Amino acid sequence: MSGTKKSCKTHTKAQLDNWANQNNPNNKAYRANANNHSNQLNPNHKSHQQIHNAHRRNKDYLVPVWAPDYIEYDD
């Protein structure tokens, strides 16, 4: 058996700090993630893309999609 000492640390301080911030209810990123998760689970919540697509489907066109055929009169 060699005389080298092994480190017991498995994570860097930055990794531990990131984990602590992600799991701290007072952290802004934690609250944003929790709100996003609850919105995804809410069937009444629509994403930005779903709202955008609904507006595109239901918008009033300035130019009519169809026009009636007019009888051509010859003078």
N, C-alpha and C. Protein backbone atom coordinates (compact mmCIF):
# COMPACT_ATOMS: atom_id res chain seq x y z
N MET A 1 0.84 -1.17 0.00
CA MET A 1 0.00 0.00 0.00
C MET A 1 0.89 1.24 0.00
N SER A 2 0.57 2.16 -0.89
CA SER A 2 1.41 3.34 -1.01
C SER A 2 1.08 4.34 0.09
N GLY A 3 1.99 5.24 0.31
CA GLY A 3 1.81 6.22 1.37
C GLY A 3 1.14 7.51 0.90
N THR A 4 0.56 7.53 -0.32
CA THR A 4 -0.09 8.75 -0.81
C THR A 4 -1.44 8.91 -0.15
N LYS A 5 -1.74 10.13 0.17
CA LYS A 5 -3.00 10.43 0.84
C LYS A 5 -4.03 10.83 -0.21
N LYS A 6 -5.22 10.26 -0.12
CA LYS A 6 -6.29 10.60 -1.05
C LYS A 6 -7.18 11.68 -0.44
N SER A 7 -7.66 12.55 -1.29
CA SER A 7 -8.56 13.60 -0.84
C SER A 7 -9.96 13.03 -0.67
N CYS A 8 -10.63 13.46 0.37
CA CYS A 8 -12.01 13.02 0.62
C CYS A 8 -13.01 13.94 -0.06
N LYS A 9 -12.53 15.03 -0.66
CA LYS A 9 -13.44 15.98 -1.30
C LYS A 9 -13.87 15.43 -2.65
N THR A 10 -15.18 15.46 -2.90
CA THR A 10 -15.70 14.97 -4.17
C THR A 10 -16.19 16.12 -5.06
N HIS A 11 -16.36 17.31 -4.47
CA HIS A 11 -16.85 18.45 -5.24
C HIS A 11 -16.04 19.68 -4.89
N THR A 12 -15.96 20.59 -5.85
CA THR A 12 -15.28 21.86 -5.60
C THR A 12 -16.21 22.78 -4.83
N LYS A 13 -15.65 23.84 -4.27
CA LYS A 13 -16.47 24.82 -3.54
C LYS A 13 -17.49 25.46 -4.47
N ALA A 14 -17.11 25.73 -5.70
CA ALA A 14 -18.04 26.34 -6.66
C ALA A 14 -19.22 25.40 -6.94
N GLN A 15 -18.94 24.10 -7.04
CA GLN A 15 -20.02 23.14 -7.28
C GLN A 15 -20.96 23.08 -6.08
N LEU A 16 -20.38 23.11 -4.88
CA LEU A 16 -21.22 23.08 -3.67
C LEU A 16 -22.05 24.35 -3.56
N ASP A 17 -21.46 25.49 -3.90
CA ASP A 17 -22.19 26.76 -3.85
C ASP A 17 -23.33 26.77 -4.86
N ASN A 18 -23.08 26.26 -6.07
CA ASN A 18 -24.13 26.20 -7.09
C ASN A 18 -25.28 25.32 -6.63
N TRP A 19 -24.96 24.19 -6.03
CA TRP A 19 -26.02 23.29 -5.54
C TRP A 19 -26.82 23.97 -4.45
N ALA A 20 -26.12 24.65 -3.52
CA ALA A 20 -26.81 25.34 -2.43
C ALA A 20 -27.73 26.42 -2.96
N ASN A 21 -27.28 27.17 -3.96
CA ASN A 21 -28.12 28.22 -4.54
C ASN A 21 -29.34 27.65 -5.24
N GLN A 22 -29.18 26.53 -5.92
CA GLN A 22 -30.29 25.92 -6.64
C GLN A 22 -31.32 25.31 -5.71
N ASN A 23 -30.94 25.04 -4.47
CA ASN A 23 -31.85 24.41 -3.51
C ASN A 23 -32.20 25.32 -2.35
N ASN A 24 -32.02 26.62 -2.53
CA ASN A 24 -32.32 27.59 -1.50
C ASN A 24 -33.61 28.32 -1.87
N PRO A 25 -34.68 28.17 -1.08
CA PRO A 25 -35.96 28.82 -1.42
C PRO A 25 -35.89 30.34 -1.47
N ASN A 26 -34.88 30.94 -0.87
CA ASN A 26 -34.74 32.40 -0.91
C ASN A 26 -34.01 32.88 -2.16
N ASN A 27 -33.54 31.95 -2.98
CA ASN A 27 -32.77 32.31 -4.16
C ASN A 27 -33.71 32.60 -5.33
N LYS A 28 -33.38 33.63 -6.11
CA LYS A 28 -34.22 34.05 -7.24
C LYS A 28 -34.35 32.94 -8.28
N ALA A 29 -33.25 32.26 -8.58
CA ALA A 29 -33.28 31.19 -9.58
C ALA A 29 -34.12 30.01 -9.09
N TYR A 30 -34.06 29.72 -7.80
CA TYR A 30 -34.87 28.64 -7.23
C TYR A 30 -36.35 28.95 -7.40
N ARG A 31 -36.75 30.18 -7.07
CA ARG A 31 -38.17 30.57 -7.19
C ARG A 31 -38.62 30.56 -8.65
N ALA A 32 -37.77 31.02 -9.56
CA ALA A 32 -38.12 31.03 -10.98
C ALA A 32 -38.32 29.61 -11.48
N ASN A 33 -37.45 28.70 -11.08
CA ASN A 33 -37.56 27.31 -11.50
C ASN A 33 -38.83 26.68 -10.93
N ALA A 34 -39.15 26.98 -9.66
CA ALA A 34 -40.36 26.43 -9.04
C ALA A 34 -41.62 26.97 -9.73
N ASN A 35 -41.62 28.26 -10.06
CA ASN A 35 -42.78 28.84 -10.75
C ASN A 35 -42.93 28.26 -12.14
N ASN A 36 -41.83 28.08 -12.85
CA ASN A 36 -41.89 27.50 -14.18
C ASN A 36 -42.42 26.08 -14.12
N HIS A 37 -41.97 25.33 -13.13
CA HIS A 37 -42.42 23.94 -12.99
C HIS A 37 -43.91 23.89 -12.70
N SER A 38 -44.40 24.75 -11.81
CA SER A 38 -45.82 24.73 -11.48
C SER A 38 -46.66 25.19 -12.67
N ASN A 39 -46.13 26.13 -13.47
CA ASN A 39 -46.86 26.57 -14.67
C ASN A 39 -46.96 25.46 -15.70
N GLN A 40 -45.92 24.64 -15.81
CA GLN A 40 -45.96 23.54 -16.76
C GLN A 40 -46.98 22.49 -16.34
N LEU A 41 -47.21 22.36 -15.04
CA LEU A 41 -48.17 21.37 -14.55
C LEU A 41 -49.60 21.88 -14.59
N ASN A 42 -49.79 23.19 -14.76
CA ASN A 42 -51.11 23.80 -14.74
C ASN A 42 -51.74 23.69 -16.14
N PRO A 43 -52.87 22.96 -16.27
CA PRO A 43 -53.47 22.79 -17.59
C PRO A 43 -54.05 24.09 -18.15
N ASN A 44 -54.31 25.09 -17.29
CA ASN A 44 -54.88 26.35 -17.76
C ASN A 44 -53.82 27.34 -18.20
N HIS A 45 -52.56 27.02 -17.98
CA HIS A 45 -51.48 27.93 -18.33
C HIS A 45 -51.04 27.69 -19.76
N LYS A 46 -50.93 28.76 -20.53
CA LYS A 46 -50.50 28.65 -21.91
C LYS A 46 -49.09 29.23 -22.03
N SER A 47 -48.26 28.56 -22.80
CA SER A 47 -46.90 29.06 -23.04
C SER A 47 -46.96 30.25 -23.99
N HIS A 48 -45.86 30.97 -24.07
CA HIS A 48 -45.78 32.11 -24.98
C HIS A 48 -46.05 31.68 -26.42
N GLN A 49 -45.49 30.53 -26.82
CA GLN A 49 -45.66 30.06 -28.19
C GLN A 49 -47.11 29.67 -28.46
N GLN A 50 -47.80 29.07 -27.49
CA GLN A 50 -49.20 28.70 -27.68
C GLN A 50 -50.08 29.94 -27.84
N ILE A 51 -49.80 30.98 -27.06
CA ILE A 51 -50.56 32.23 -27.18
C ILE A 51 -50.30 32.87 -28.54
N HIS A 52 -49.04 32.89 -28.95
CA HIS A 52 -48.68 33.46 -30.25
C HIS A 52 -49.39 32.74 -31.39
N ASN A 53 -49.39 31.41 -31.36
CA ASN A 53 -50.03 30.64 -32.41
C ASN A 53 -51.54 30.86 -32.43
N ALA A 54 -52.16 31.01 -31.26
CA ALA A 54 -53.60 31.26 -31.20
C ALA A 54 -53.93 32.61 -31.83
N HIS A 55 -53.10 33.62 -31.56
CA HIS A 55 -53.32 34.94 -32.17
C HIS A 55 -53.17 34.86 -33.69
N ARG A 56 -52.21 34.09 -34.16
CA ARG A 56 -52.02 33.96 -35.61
C ARG A 56 -53.21 33.25 -36.25
N ARG A 57 -53.75 32.23 -35.58
CA ARG A 57 -54.88 31.48 -36.14
C ARG A 57 -56.15 32.32 -36.17
N ASN A 58 -56.34 33.19 -35.17
CA ASN A 58 -57.60 33.88 -35.00
C ASN A 58 -57.57 35.35 -35.43
N LYS A 59 -56.50 35.79 -36.09
CA LYS A 59 -56.42 37.21 -36.42
C LYS A 59 -57.33 37.54 -37.59
N ASP A 60 -57.78 38.79 -37.61
CA ASP A 60 -58.61 39.29 -38.71
C ASP A 60 -57.68 39.76 -39.82
N TYR A 61 -57.93 39.30 -41.00
CA TYR A 61 -57.11 39.66 -42.13
C TYR A 61 -57.58 40.98 -42.71
N LEU A 62 -56.64 41.85 -43.07
CA LEU A 62 -57.00 43.12 -43.68
C LEU A 62 -57.50 42.88 -45.10
N VAL A 63 -56.94 41.91 -45.78
CA VAL A 63 -57.37 41.54 -47.11
C VAL A 63 -58.23 40.28 -46.97
N PRO A 64 -59.43 40.28 -47.54
CA PRO A 64 -60.26 39.09 -47.37
C PRO A 64 -59.60 37.86 -47.99
N VAL A 65 -59.82 36.73 -47.36
CA VAL A 65 -59.25 35.49 -47.84
C VAL A 65 -59.88 35.11 -49.17
N TRP A 66 -61.16 35.42 -49.35
CA TRP A 66 -61.84 35.13 -50.61
C TRP A 66 -62.61 36.37 -51.03
N ALA A 67 -62.91 36.45 -52.30
CA ALA A 67 -63.71 37.55 -52.83
C ALA A 67 -64.73 36.97 -53.80
N PRO A 68 -65.92 37.56 -53.86
CA PRO A 68 -66.94 37.02 -54.76
C PRO A 68 -66.54 37.27 -56.24
N ASP A 69 -67.02 36.40 -57.08
CA ASP A 69 -66.78 36.57 -58.52
C ASP A 69 -67.78 37.58 -59.06
N TYR A 70 -67.28 38.60 -59.73
CA TYR A 70 -68.14 39.61 -60.31
C TYR A 70 -68.35 39.31 -61.79
N ILE A 71 -69.54 39.61 -62.25
CA ILE A 71 -69.83 39.42 -63.67
C ILE A 71 -69.11 40.50 -64.45
N GLU A 72 -68.45 40.07 -65.49
CA GLU A 72 -67.73 41.04 -66.31
C GLU A 72 -68.70 41.65 -67.33
N TYR A 73 -68.77 42.94 -67.30
CA TYR A 73 -69.67 43.64 -68.24
C TYR A 73 -68.85 44.16 -69.42
N ASP A 74 -69.32 43.88 -70.60
CA ASP A 74 -68.66 44.41 -71.79
C ASP A 74 -69.40 45.66 -72.24
N ASP A 75 -68.69 46.71 -72.47
CA ASP A 75 -69.33 47.97 -72.93
C ASP A 75 -69.43 47.98 -74.43
